[in-house]
Amino acid sequence: RHSFAFTRSARADVVRNLPFQDLTHALQTYITAKAARDFQMNLMGSA
């Protein structure tokens, strides 16, 4: 409809950006490992 206006509710699945401390341990561990790798490559680039 090319519109922001709605006359009734819409239903959807919502993907949220939760605070780090509210995530599961497995998710925290993966995010930390991925961030550490990216961080190291951006700053030092050591193979």
ModelCIF file with pLDDT and N, C-alpha, C, O atoms, coordinates in Angstrom:
data_MODEL
#
_entry.id   MODEL 
#
_entity.id                         1 
_entity.type                       polymer 
_entity.pdbx_number_of_molecules   1 
#
_entity_poly.entity_id                      1 
_entity_poly.type                           'polypeptide(L)' 
_entity_poly.nstd_linkage                   no 
_entity_poly.nstd_monomer                   no 
_entity_poly.pdbx_seq_one_letter_code       RHSFAFTRSARADVVRNLPFQDLTHALQTYITAKAARDFQMNLMGSA 
_entity_poly.pdbx_seq_one_letter_code_can   RHSFAFTRSARADVVRNLPFQDLTHALQTYITAKAARDFQMNLMGSA 
_entity_poly.pdbx_strand_id                 A 
#
loop_
_entity_poly_seq.entity_id 
_entity_poly_seq.num 
_entity_poly_seq.mon_id 
_entity_poly_seq.hetero 
1 1  ARG n 
1 2  HIS n 
1 3  SER n 
1 4  PHE n 
1 5  ALA n 
1 6  PHE n 
1 7  THR n 
1 8  ARG n 
1 9  SER n 
1 10 ALA n 
1 11 ARG n 
1 12 ALA n 
1 13 ASP n 
1 14 VAL n 
1 15 VAL n 
1 16 ARG n 
1 17 ASN n 
1 18 LEU n 
1 19 PRO n 
1 20 PHE n 
1 21 GLN n 
1 22 ASP n 
1 23 LEU n 
1 24 THR n 
1 25 HIS n 
1 26 ALA n 
1 27 LEU n 
1 28 GLN n 
1 29 THR n 
1 30 TYR n 
1 31 ILE n 
1 32 THR n 
1 33 ALA n 
1 34 LYS n 
1 35 ALA n 
1 36 ALA n 
1 37 ARG n 
1 38 ASP n 
1 39 PHE n 
1 40 GLN n 
1 41 MET n 
1 42 ASN n 
1 43 LEU n 
1 44 MET n 
1 45 GLY n 
1 46 SER n 
1 47 ALA n 
#
_struct_asym.id          A 
_struct_asym.entity_id   1 
#
loop_
_ma_qa_metric.id 
_ma_qa_metric.mode 
_ma_qa_metric.name 
_ma_qa_metric.software_group_id 
_ma_qa_metric.type 
1 global pLDDT . pLDDT 
2 local  pLDDT . pLDDT 
#
_ma_qa_metric_global.metric_id      1 
_ma_qa_metric_global.metric_value   91.09 
_ma_qa_metric_global.model_id       1 
_ma_qa_metric_global.ordinal_id     1 
#
loop_
_ma_qa_metric_local.label_asym_id 
_ma_qa_metric_local.label_comp_id 
_ma_qa_metric_local.label_seq_id 
_ma_qa_metric_local.metric_id 
_ma_qa_metric_local.metric_value 
_ma_qa_metric_local.model_id 
_ma_qa_metric_local.ordinal_id 
A ARG 1  2 93.00 1 1  
A HIS 2  2 95.00 1 2  
A SER 3  2 94.00 1 3  
A PHE 4  2 96.00 1 4  
A ALA 5  2 95.00 1 5  
A PHE 6  2 95.00 1 6  
A THR 7  2 93.00 1 7  
A ARG 8  2 93.00 1 8  
A SER 9  2 93.00 1 9  
A ALA 10 2 91.00 1 10 
A ARG 11 2 91.00 1 11 
A ALA 12 2 90.00 1 12 
A ASP 13 2 91.00 1 13 
A VAL 14 2 93.00 1 14 
A VAL 15 2 94.00 1 15 
A ARG 16 2 95.00 1 16 
A ASN 17 2 95.00 1 17 
A LEU 18 2 95.00 1 18 
A PRO 19 2 94.00 1 19 
A PHE 20 2 93.00 1 20 
A GLN 21 2 94.00 1 21 
A ASP 22 2 95.00 1 22 
A LEU 23 2 96.00 1 23 
A THR 24 2 95.00 1 24 
A HIS 25 2 96.00 1 25 
A ALA 26 2 96.00 1 26 
A LEU 27 2 96.00 1 27 
A GLN 28 2 96.00 1 28 
A THR 29 2 95.00 1 29 
A TYR 30 2 97.00 1 30 
A ILE 31 2 96.00 1 31 
A THR 32 2 93.00 1 32 
A ALA 33 2 94.00 1 33 
A LYS 34 2 95.00 1 34 
A ALA 35 2 93.00 1 35 
A ALA 36 2 90.00 1 36 
A ARG 37 2 91.00 1 37 
A ASP 38 2 90.00 1 38 
A PHE 39 2 87.00 1 39 
A GLN 40 2 86.00 1 40 
A MET 41 2 84.00 1 41 
A ASN 42 2 80.00 1 42 
A LEU 43 2 76.00 1 43 
A MET 44 2 73.00 1 44 
A GLY 45 2 72.00 1 45 
A SER 46 2 76.00 1 46 
A ALA 47 2 80.00 1 47 
#
loop_
_atom_site.group_PDB 
_atom_site.id 
_atom_site.type_symbol 
_atom_site.label_atom_id 
_atom_site.label_alt_id 
_atom_site.label_comp_id 
_atom_site.label_asym_id 
_atom_site.label_entity_id 
_atom_site.label_seq_id 
_atom_site.pdbx_PDB_ins_code 
_atom_site.Cartn_x 
_atom_site.Cartn_y 
_atom_site.Cartn_z 
_atom_site.occupancy 
_atom_site.B_iso_or_equiv 
_atom_site.pdbx_formal_charge 
_atom_site.auth_seq_id 
_atom_site.auth_comp_id 
_atom_site.auth_asym_id 
_atom_site.auth_atom_id 
_atom_site.pdbx_PDB_model_num 
ATOM 1   N N  . ARG A 1 1  ? 0.815  -1.217  0.000  1.00 93.00 ? 1  ARG A N  1 
ATOM 2   C CA . ARG A 1 1  ? 0.000  0.000   0.000  1.00 93.00 ? 1  ARG A CA 1 
ATOM 3   C C  . ARG A 1 1  ? 0.853  1.274   0.000  1.00 93.00 ? 1  ARG A C  1 
ATOM 4   O O  . ARG A 1 1  ? 0.326  2.376   -0.150 1.00 93.00 ? 1  ARG A O  1 
ATOM 5   N N  . HIS A 1 2  ? 2.169  1.117   0.168  1.00 95.00 ? 2  HIS A N  1 
ATOM 6   C CA . HIS A 1 2  ? 3.091  2.261   0.235  1.00 95.00 ? 2  HIS A CA 1 
ATOM 7   C C  . HIS A 1 2  ? 2.660  3.238   1.329  1.00 95.00 ? 2  HIS A C  1 
ATOM 8   O O  . HIS A 1 2  ? 2.510  4.439   1.104  1.00 95.00 ? 2  HIS A O  1 
ATOM 9   N N  . SER A 1 3  ? 2.466  2.670   2.528  1.00 94.00 ? 3  SER A N  1 
ATOM 10  C CA . SER A 1 3  ? 1.924  3.498   3.600  1.00 94.00 ? 3  SER A CA 1 
ATOM 11  C C  . SER A 1 3  ? 2.445  3.055   4.965  1.00 94.00 ? 3  SER A C  1 
ATOM 12  O O  . SER A 1 3  ? 2.711  1.876   5.203  1.00 94.00 ? 3  SER A O  1 
ATOM 13  N N  . PHE A 1 4  ? 2.579  4.029   5.844  1.00 96.00 ? 4  PHE A N  1 
ATOM 14  C CA . PHE A 1 4  ? 2.895  3.769   7.242  1.00 96.00 ? 4  PHE A CA 1 
ATOM 15  C C  . PHE A 1 4  ? 1.621  3.606   8.070  1.00 96.00 ? 4  PHE A C  1 
ATOM 16  O O  . PHE A 1 4  ? 1.689  3.171   9.220  1.00 96.00 ? 4  PHE A O  1 
ATOM 17  N N  . ALA A 1 5  ? 0.474  3.943   7.512  1.00 95.00 ? 5  ALA A N  1 
ATOM 18  C CA . ALA A 1 5  ? -0.795 3.950   8.254  1.00 95.00 ? 5  ALA A CA 1 
ATOM 19  C C  . ALA A 1 5  ? -1.421 2.558   8.275  1.00 95.00 ? 5  ALA A C  1 
ATOM 20  O O  . ALA A 1 5  ? -1.440 1.848   7.270  1.00 95.00 ? 5  ALA A O  1 
ATOM 21  N N  . PHE A 1 6  ? -1.936 2.187   9.460  1.00 95.00 ? 6  PHE A N  1 
ATOM 22  C CA . PHE A 1 6  ? -2.609 0.900   9.642  1.00 95.00 ? 6  PHE A CA 1 
ATOM 23  C C  . PHE A 1 6  ? -3.928 1.133   10.363 1.00 95.00 ? 6  PHE A C  1 
ATOM 24  O O  . PHE A 1 6  ? -4.021 1.978   11.253 1.00 95.00 ? 6  PHE A O  1 
ATOM 25  N N  . THR A 1 7  ? -4.943 0.378   9.971  1.00 93.00 ? 7  THR A N  1 
ATOM 26  C CA . THR A 1 7  ? -6.253 0.480   10.629 1.00 93.00 ? 7  THR A CA 1 
ATOM 27  C C  . THR A 1 7  ? -6.464 -0.648  11.622 1.00 93.00 ? 7  THR A C  1 
ATOM 28  O O  . THR A 1 7  ? -7.362 -0.578  12.461 1.00 93.00 ? 7  THR A O  1 
ATOM 29  N N  . ARG A 1 8  ? -5.629 -1.706  11.532 1.00 93.00 ? 8  ARG A N  1 
ATOM 30  C CA . ARG A 1 8  ? -5.746 -2.813  12.488 1.00 93.00 ? 8  ARG A CA 1 
ATOM 31  C C  . ARG A 1 8  ? -4.366 -3.363  12.816 1.00 93.00 ? 8  ARG A C  1 
ATOM 32  O O  . ARG A 1 8  ? -3.368 -2.990  12.199 1.00 93.00 ? 8  ARG A O  1 
ATOM 33  N N  . SER A 1 9  ? -4.330 -4.237  13.779 1.00 93.00 ? 9  SER A N  1 
ATOM 34  C CA . SER A 1 9  ? -3.065 -4.802  14.237 1.00 93.00 ? 9  SER A CA 1 
ATOM 35  C C  . SER A 1 9  ? -2.434 -5.693  13.178 1.00 93.00 ? 9  SER A C  1 
ATOM 36  O O  . SER A 1 9  ? -3.116 -6.221  12.300 1.00 93.00 ? 9  SER A O  1 
ATOM 37  N N  . ALA A 1 10 ? -1.131 -5.847  13.278 1.00 91.00 ? 10 ALA A N  1 
ATOM 38  C CA . ALA A 1 10 ? -0.378 -6.766  12.426 1.00 91.00 ? 10 ALA A CA 1 
ATOM 39  C C  . ALA A 1 10 ? 0.315  -7.769  13.336 1.00 91.00 ? 10 ALA A C  1 
ATOM 40  O O  . ALA A 1 10 ? 0.681  -7.441  14.465 1.00 91.00 ? 10 ALA A O  1 
ATOM 41  N N  . ARG A 1 11 ? 0.491  -8.973  12.854 1.00 91.00 ? 11 ARG A N  1 
ATOM 42  C CA . ARG A 1 11 ? 1.147  -10.017 13.646 1.00 91.00 ? 11 ARG A CA 1 
ATOM 43  C C  . ARG A 1 11 ? 2.472  -10.376 12.981 1.00 91.00 ? 11 ARG A C  1 
ATOM 44  O O  . ARG A 1 11 ? 2.547  -10.526 11.762 1.00 91.00 ? 11 ARG A O  1 
ATOM 45  N N  . ALA A 1 12 ? 3.512  -10.512 13.798 1.00 90.00 ? 12 ALA A N  1 
ATOM 46  C CA . ALA A 1 12 ? 4.837  -10.839 13.266 1.00 90.00 ? 12 ALA A CA 1 
ATOM 47  C C  . ALA A 1 12 ? 5.687  -11.501 14.344 1.00 90.00 ? 12 ALA A C  1 
ATOM 48  O O  . ALA A 1 12 ? 5.391  -11.402 15.535 1.00 90.00 ? 12 ALA A O  1 
ATOM 49  N N  . ASP A 1 13 ? 6.729  -12.167 13.916 1.00 91.00 ? 13 ASP A N  1 
ATOM 50  C CA . ASP A 1 13 ? 7.757  -12.656 14.824 1.00 91.00 ? 13 ASP A CA 1 
ATOM 51  C C  . ASP A 1 13 ? 8.803  -11.548 14.908 1.00 91.00 ? 13 ASP A C  1 
ATOM 52  O O  . ASP A 1 13 ? 9.267  -11.044 13.886 1.00 91.00 ? 13 ASP A O  1 
ATOM 53  N N  . VAL A 1 14 ? 9.168  -11.177 16.124 1.00 93.00 ? 14 VAL A N  1 
ATOM 54  C CA . VAL A 1 14 ? 10.063 -10.045 16.352 1.00 93.00 ? 14 VAL A CA 1 
ATOM 55  C C  . VAL A 1 14 ? 11.426 -10.548 16.814 1.00 93.00 ? 14 VAL A C  1 
ATOM 56  O O  . VAL A 1 14 ? 11.526 -11.280 17.799 1.00 93.00 ? 14 VAL A O  1 
ATOM 57  N N  . VAL A 1 15 ? 12.477 -10.147 16.093 1.00 94.00 ? 15 VAL A N  1 
ATOM 58  C CA . VAL A 1 15 ? 13.845 -10.481 16.458 1.00 94.00 ? 15 VAL A CA 1 
ATOM 59  C C  . VAL A 1 15 ? 14.420 -9.269  17.185 1.00 94.00 ? 15 VAL A C  1 
ATOM 60  O O  . VAL A 1 15 ? 14.536 -8.185  16.615 1.00 94.00 ? 15 VAL A O  1 
ATOM 61  N N  . ARG A 1 16 ? 14.779 -9.471  18.460 1.00 95.00 ? 16 ARG A N  1 
ATOM 62  C CA . ARG A 1 16 ? 15.203 -8.358  19.312 1.00 95.00 ? 16 ARG A CA 1 
ATOM 63  C C  . ARG A 1 16 ? 16.712 -8.343  19.556 1.00 95.00 ? 16 ARG A C  1 
ATOM 64  O O  . ARG A 1 16 ? 17.366 -9.385  19.564 1.00 95.00 ? 16 ARG A O  1 
ATOM 65  N N  . ASN A 1 17 ? 17.241 -7.151  19.753 1.00 95.00 ? 17 ASN A N  1 
ATOM 66  C CA . ASN A 1 17 ? 18.633 -6.952  20.142 1.00 95.00 ? 17 ASN A CA 1 
ATOM 67  C C  . ASN A 1 17 ? 18.661 -6.882  21.664 1.00 95.00 ? 17 ASN A C  1 
ATOM 68  O O  . ASN A 1 17 ? 18.408 -5.828  22.248 1.00 95.00 ? 17 ASN A O  1 
ATOM 69  N N  . LEU A 1 18 ? 18.968 -8.000  22.298 1.00 95.00 ? 18 LEU A N  1 
ATOM 70  C CA . LEU A 1 18 ? 18.969 -8.070  23.760 1.00 95.00 ? 18 LEU A CA 1 
ATOM 71  C C  . LEU A 1 18 ? 20.314 -7.626  24.324 1.00 95.00 ? 18 LEU A C  1 
ATOM 72  O O  . LEU A 1 18 ? 21.334 -7.721  23.642 1.00 95.00 ? 18 LEU A O  1 
ATOM 73  N N  . PRO A 1 19 ? 20.323 -7.144  25.560 1.00 94.00 ? 19 PRO A N  1 
ATOM 74  C CA . PRO A 1 19 ? 21.597 -6.834  26.209 1.00 94.00 ? 19 PRO A CA 1 
ATOM 75  C C  . PRO A 1 19 ? 22.453 -8.101  26.329 1.00 94.00 ? 19 PRO A C  1 
ATOM 76  O O  . PRO A 1 19 ? 21.925 -9.199  26.506 1.00 94.00 ? 19 PRO A O  1 
ATOM 77  N N  . PHE A 1 20 ? 23.754 -7.941  26.233 1.00 93.00 ? 20 PHE A N  1 
ATOM 78  C CA . PHE A 1 20 ? 24.681 -9.071  26.241 1.00 93.00 ? 20 PHE A CA 1 
ATOM 79  C C  . PHE A 1 20 ? 24.465 -9.971  27.453 1.00 93.00 ? 20 PHE A C  1 
ATOM 80  O O  . PHE A 1 20 ? 24.506 -11.195 27.327 1.00 93.00 ? 20 PHE A O  1 
ATOM 81  N N  . GLN A 1 21 ? 24.238 -9.387  28.613 1.00 94.00 ? 21 GLN A N  1 
ATOM 82  C CA . GLN A 1 21 ? 24.100 -10.183 29.834 1.00 94.00 ? 21 GLN A CA 1 
ATOM 83  C C  . GLN A 1 21 ? 22.811 -11.016 29.852 1.00 94.00 ? 21 GLN A C  1 
ATOM 84  O O  . GLN A 1 21 ? 22.692 -11.943 30.652 1.00 94.00 ? 21 GLN A O  1 
ATOM 85  N N  . ASP A 1 22 ? 21.849 -10.697 28.982 1.00 95.00 ? 22 ASP A N  1 
ATOM 86  C CA . ASP A 1 22 ? 20.601 -11.451 28.934 1.00 95.00 ? 22 ASP A CA 1 
ATOM 87  C C  . ASP A 1 22 ? 20.640 -12.620 27.951 1.00 95.00 ? 22 ASP A C  1 
ATOM 88  O O  . ASP A 1 22 ? 19.659 -13.353 27.825 1.00 95.00 ? 22 ASP A O  1 
ATOM 89  N N  . LEU A 1 23 ? 21.749 -12.797 27.264 1.00 96.00 ? 23 LEU A N  1 
ATOM 90  C CA . LEU A 1 23 ? 21.874 -13.872 26.287 1.00 96.00 ? 23 LEU A CA 1 
ATOM 91  C C  . LEU A 1 23 ? 22.273 -15.176 26.953 1.00 96.00 ? 23 LEU A C  1 
ATOM 92  O O  . LEU A 1 23 ? 22.768 -15.187 28.080 1.00 96.00 ? 23 LEU A O  1 
ATOM 93  N N  . THR A 1 24 ? 22.051 -16.277 26.244 1.00 95.00 ? 24 THR A N  1 
ATOM 94  C CA . THR A 1 24 ? 22.479 -17.577 26.775 1.00 95.00 ? 24 THR A CA 1 
ATOM 95  C C  . THR A 1 24 ? 24.001 -17.623 26.818 1.00 95.00 ? 24 THR A C  1 
ATOM 96  O O  . THR A 1 24 ? 24.679 -16.872 26.117 1.00 95.00 ? 24 THR A O  1 
ATOM 97  N N  . HIS A 1 25 ? 24.523 -18.510 27.647 1.00 96.00 ? 25 HIS A N  1 
ATOM 98  C CA . HIS A 1 25 ? 25.973 -18.633 27.782 1.00 96.00 ? 25 HIS A CA 1 
ATOM 99  C C  . HIS A 1 25 ? 26.617 -19.016 26.444 1.00 96.00 ? 25 HIS A C  1 
ATOM 100 O O  . HIS A 1 25 ? 27.669 -18.486 26.089 1.00 96.00 ? 25 HIS A O  1 
ATOM 101 N N  . ALA A 1 26 ? 25.994 -19.926 25.710 1.00 96.00 ? 26 ALA A N  1 
ATOM 102 C CA . ALA A 1 26 ? 26.554 -20.356 24.425 1.00 96.00 ? 26 ALA A CA 1 
ATOM 103 C C  . ALA A 1 26 ? 26.608 -19.194 23.438 1.00 96.00 ? 26 ALA A C  1 
ATOM 104 O O  . ALA A 1 26 ? 27.574 -19.056 22.689 1.00 96.00 ? 26 ALA A O  1 
ATOM 105 N N  . LEU A 1 27 ? 25.586 -18.372 23.438 1.00 96.00 ? 27 LEU A N  1 
ATOM 106 C CA . LEU A 1 27 ? 25.557 -17.215 22.539 1.00 96.00 ? 27 LEU A CA 1 
ATOM 107 C C  . LEU A 1 27 ? 26.597 -16.175 22.957 1.00 96.00 ? 27 LEU A C  1 
ATOM 108 O O  . LEU A 1 27 ? 27.269 -15.593 22.106 1.00 96.00 ? 27 LEU A O  1 
ATOM 109 N N  . GLN A 1 28 ? 26.731 -15.942 24.254 1.00 96.00 ? 28 GLN A N  1 
ATOM 110 C CA . GLN A 1 28 ? 27.754 -15.010 24.749 1.00 96.00 ? 28 GLN A CA 1 
ATOM 111 C C  . GLN A 1 28 ? 29.154 -15.479 24.356 1.00 96.00 ? 28 GLN A C  1 
ATOM 112 O O  . GLN A 1 28 ? 29.993 -14.682 23.937 1.00 96.00 ? 28 GLN A O  1 
ATOM 113 N N  . THR A 1 29 ? 29.392 -16.775 24.497 1.00 95.00 ? 29 THR A N  1 
ATOM 114 C CA . THR A 1 29 ? 30.710 -17.323 24.175 1.00 95.00 ? 29 THR A CA 1 
ATOM 115 C C  . THR A 1 29 ? 31.030 -17.163 22.701 1.00 95.00 ? 29 THR A C  1 
ATOM 116 O O  . THR A 1 29 ? 32.140 -16.771 22.340 1.00 95.00 ? 29 THR A O  1 
ATOM 117 N N  . TYR A 1 30 ? 30.058 -17.464 21.845 1.00 97.00 ? 30 TYR A N  1 
ATOM 118 C CA . TYR A 1 30 ? 30.291 -17.323 20.404 1.00 97.00 ? 30 TYR A CA 1 
ATOM 119 C C  . TYR A 1 30 ? 30.505 -15.856 20.022 1.00 97.00 ? 30 TYR A C  1 
ATOM 120 O O  . TYR A 1 30 ? 31.430 -15.535 19.276 1.00 97.00 ? 30 TYR A O  1 
ATOM 121 N N  . ILE A 1 31 ? 29.664 -14.982 20.526 1.00 96.00 ? 31 ILE A N  1 
ATOM 122 C CA . ILE A 1 31 ? 29.789 -13.559 20.197 1.00 96.00 ? 31 ILE A CA 1 
ATOM 123 C C  . ILE A 1 31 ? 31.145 -13.028 20.645 1.00 96.00 ? 31 ILE A C  1 
ATOM 124 O O  . ILE A 1 31 ? 31.793 -12.282 19.911 1.00 96.00 ? 31 ILE A O  1 
ATOM 125 N N  . THR A 1 32 ? 31.577 -13.406 21.838 1.00 93.00 ? 32 THR A N  1 
ATOM 126 C CA . THR A 1 32 ? 32.872 -12.955 22.347 1.00 93.00 ? 32 THR A CA 1 
ATOM 127 C C  . THR A 1 32 ? 34.012 -13.479 21.474 1.00 93.00 ? 32 THR A C  1 
ATOM 128 O O  . THR A 1 32 ? 34.949 -12.743 21.162 1.00 93.00 ? 32 THR A O  1 
ATOM 129 N N  . ALA A 1 33 ? 33.932 -14.748 21.082 1.00 94.00 ? 33 ALA A N  1 
ATOM 130 C CA . ALA A 1 33 ? 34.990 -15.326 20.239 1.00 94.00 ? 33 ALA A CA 1 
ATOM 131 C C  . ALA A 1 33 ? 35.030 -14.648 18.873 1.00 94.00 ? 33 ALA A C  1 
ATOM 132 O O  . ALA A 1 33 ? 36.109 -14.347 18.363 1.00 94.00 ? 33 ALA A O  1 
ATOM 133 N N  . LYS A 1 34 ? 33.872 -14.409 18.283 1.00 95.00 ? 34 LYS A N  1 
ATOM 134 C CA . LYS A 1 34 ? 33.811 -13.754 16.975 1.00 95.00 ? 34 LYS A CA 1 
ATOM 135 C C  . LYS A 1 34 ? 34.314 -12.313 17.073 1.00 95.00 ? 34 LYS A C  1 
ATOM 136 O O  . LYS A 1 34 ? 35.074 -11.854 16.220 1.00 95.00 ? 34 LYS A O  1 
ATOM 137 N N  . ALA A 1 35 ? 33.886 -11.612 18.110 1.00 93.00 ? 35 ALA A N  1 
ATOM 138 C CA . ALA A 1 35 ? 34.329 -10.229 18.294 1.00 93.00 ? 35 ALA A CA 1 
ATOM 139 C C  . ALA A 1 35 ? 35.838 -10.163 18.538 1.00 93.00 ? 35 ALA A C  1 
ATOM 140 O O  . ALA A 1 35 ? 36.508 -9.265  18.029 1.00 93.00 ? 35 ALA A O  1 
ATOM 141 N N  . ALA A 1 36 ? 36.374 -11.107 19.311 1.00 90.00 ? 36 ALA A N  1 
ATOM 142 C CA . ALA A 1 36 ? 37.815 -11.130 19.579 1.00 90.00 ? 36 ALA A CA 1 
ATOM 143 C C  . ALA A 1 36 ? 38.595 -11.347 18.284 1.00 90.00 ? 36 ALA A C  1 
ATOM 144 O O  . ALA A 1 36 ? 39.619 -10.705 18.052 1.00 90.00 ? 36 ALA A O  1 
ATOM 145 N N  . ARG A 1 37 ? 38.103 -12.255 17.445 1.00 91.00 ? 37 ARG A N  1 
ATOM 146 C CA . ARG A 1 37 ? 38.794 -12.510 16.174 1.00 91.00 ? 37 ARG A CA 1 
ATOM 147 C C  . ARG A 1 37 ? 38.746 -11.264 15.275 1.00 91.00 ? 37 ARG A C  1 
ATOM 148 O O  . ARG A 1 37 ? 39.769 -10.855 14.725 1.00 91.00 ? 37 ARG A O  1 
ATOM 149 N N  . ASP A 1 38 ? 37.574 -10.673 15.131 1.00 90.00 ? 38 ASP A N  1 
ATOM 150 C CA . ASP A 1 38 ? 37.444 -9.461  14.313 1.00 90.00 ? 38 ASP A CA 1 
ATOM 151 C C  . ASP A 1 38 ? 38.312 -8.335  14.862 1.00 90.00 ? 38 ASP A C  1 
ATOM 152 O O  . ASP A 1 38 ? 38.986 -7.632  14.110 1.00 90.00 ? 38 ASP A O  1 
ATOM 153 N N  . PHE A 1 39 ? 38.286 -8.172  16.191 1.00 87.00 ? 39 PHE A N  1 
ATOM 154 C CA . PHE A 1 39 ? 39.044 -7.112  16.858 1.00 87.00 ? 39 PHE A CA 1 
ATOM 155 C C  . PHE A 1 39 ? 40.543 -7.287  16.620 1.00 87.00 ? 39 PHE A C  1 
ATOM 156 O O  . PHE A 1 39 ? 41.245 -6.327  16.301 1.00 87.00 ? 39 PHE A O  1 
ATOM 157 N N  . GLN A 1 40 ? 41.017 -8.501  16.775 1.00 86.00 ? 40 GLN A N  1 
ATOM 158 C CA . GLN A 1 40 ? 42.438 -8.792  16.567 1.00 86.00 ? 40 GLN A CA 1 
ATOM 159 C C  . GLN A 1 40 ? 42.835 -8.545  15.124 1.00 86.00 ? 40 GLN A C  1 
ATOM 160 O O  . GLN A 1 40 ? 43.894 -7.972  14.867 1.00 86.00 ? 40 GLN A O  1 
ATOM 161 N N  . MET A 1 41 ? 42.005 -8.965  14.176 1.00 84.00 ? 41 MET A N  1 
ATOM 162 C CA . MET A 1 41 ? 42.336 -8.773  12.764 1.00 84.00 ? 41 MET A CA 1 
ATOM 163 C C  . MET A 1 41 ? 42.334 -7.291  12.374 1.00 84.00 ? 41 MET A C  1 
ATOM 164 O O  . MET A 1 41 ? 43.146 -6.863  11.553 1.00 84.00 ? 41 MET A O  1 
ATOM 165 N N  . ASN A 1 42 ? 41.429 -6.513  12.960 1.00 80.00 ? 42 ASN A N  1 
ATOM 166 C CA . ASN A 1 42 ? 41.374 -5.082  12.655 1.00 80.00 ? 42 ASN A CA 1 
ATOM 167 C C  . ASN A 1 42 ? 42.554 -4.321  13.243 1.00 80.00 ? 42 ASN A C  1 
ATOM 168 O O  . ASN A 1 42 ? 43.074 -3.399  12.614 1.00 80.00 ? 42 ASN A O  1 
ATOM 169 N N  . LEU A 1 43 ? 42.980 -4.702  14.448 1.00 76.00 ? 43 LEU A N  1 
ATOM 170 C CA . LEU A 1 43 ? 44.046 -3.959  15.104 1.00 76.00 ? 43 LEU A CA 1 
ATOM 171 C C  . LEU A 1 43 ? 45.445 -4.457  14.758 1.00 76.00 ? 43 LEU A C  1 
ATOM 172 O O  . LEU A 1 43 ? 46.347 -3.656  14.512 1.00 76.00 ? 43 LEU A O  1 
ATOM 173 N N  . MET A 1 44 ? 45.628 -5.775  14.740 1.00 73.00 ? 44 MET A N  1 
ATOM 174 C CA . MET A 1 44 ? 46.966 -6.317  14.543 1.00 73.00 ? 44 MET A CA 1 
ATOM 175 C C  . MET A 1 44 ? 47.115 -7.082  13.234 1.00 73.00 ? 44 MET A C  1 
ATOM 176 O O  . MET A 1 44 ? 48.149 -6.986  12.573 1.00 73.00 ? 44 MET A O  1 
ATOM 177 N N  . GLY A 1 45 ? 46.115 -7.821  12.864 1.00 72.00 ? 45 GLY A N  1 
ATOM 178 C CA . GLY A 1 45 ? 46.187 -8.591  11.622 1.00 72.00 ? 45 GLY A CA 1 
ATOM 179 C C  . GLY A 1 45 ? 47.166 -9.741  11.654 1.00 72.00 ? 45 GLY A C  1 
ATOM 180 O O  . GLY A 1 45 ? 47.707 -10.126 10.618 1.00 72.00 ? 45 GLY A O  1 
ATOM 181 N N  . SER A 1 46 ? 47.402 -10.294 12.829 1.00 76.00 ? 46 SER A N  1 
ATOM 182 C CA . SER A 1 46 ? 48.358 -11.391 12.970 1.00 76.00 ? 46 SER A CA 1 
ATOM 183 C C  . SER A 1 46 ? 47.729 -12.712 12.521 1.00 76.00 ? 46 SER A C  1 
ATOM 184 O O  . SER A 1 46 ? 46.674 -13.107 13.018 1.00 76.00 ? 46 SER A O  1 
ATOM 185 N N  . ALA A 1 47 ? 48.385 -13.383 11.583 1.00 80.00 ? 47 ALA A N  1 
ATOM 186 C CA . ALA A 1 47 ? 47.880 -14.674 11.102 1.00 80.00 ? 47 ALA A CA 1 
ATOM 187 C C  . ALA A 1 47 ? 47.980 -15.739 12.190 1.00 80.00 ? 47 ALA A C  1 
ATOM 188 O O  . ALA A 1 47 ? 47.602 -16.888 11.965 1.00 80.00 ? 47 ALA A O  1 
#
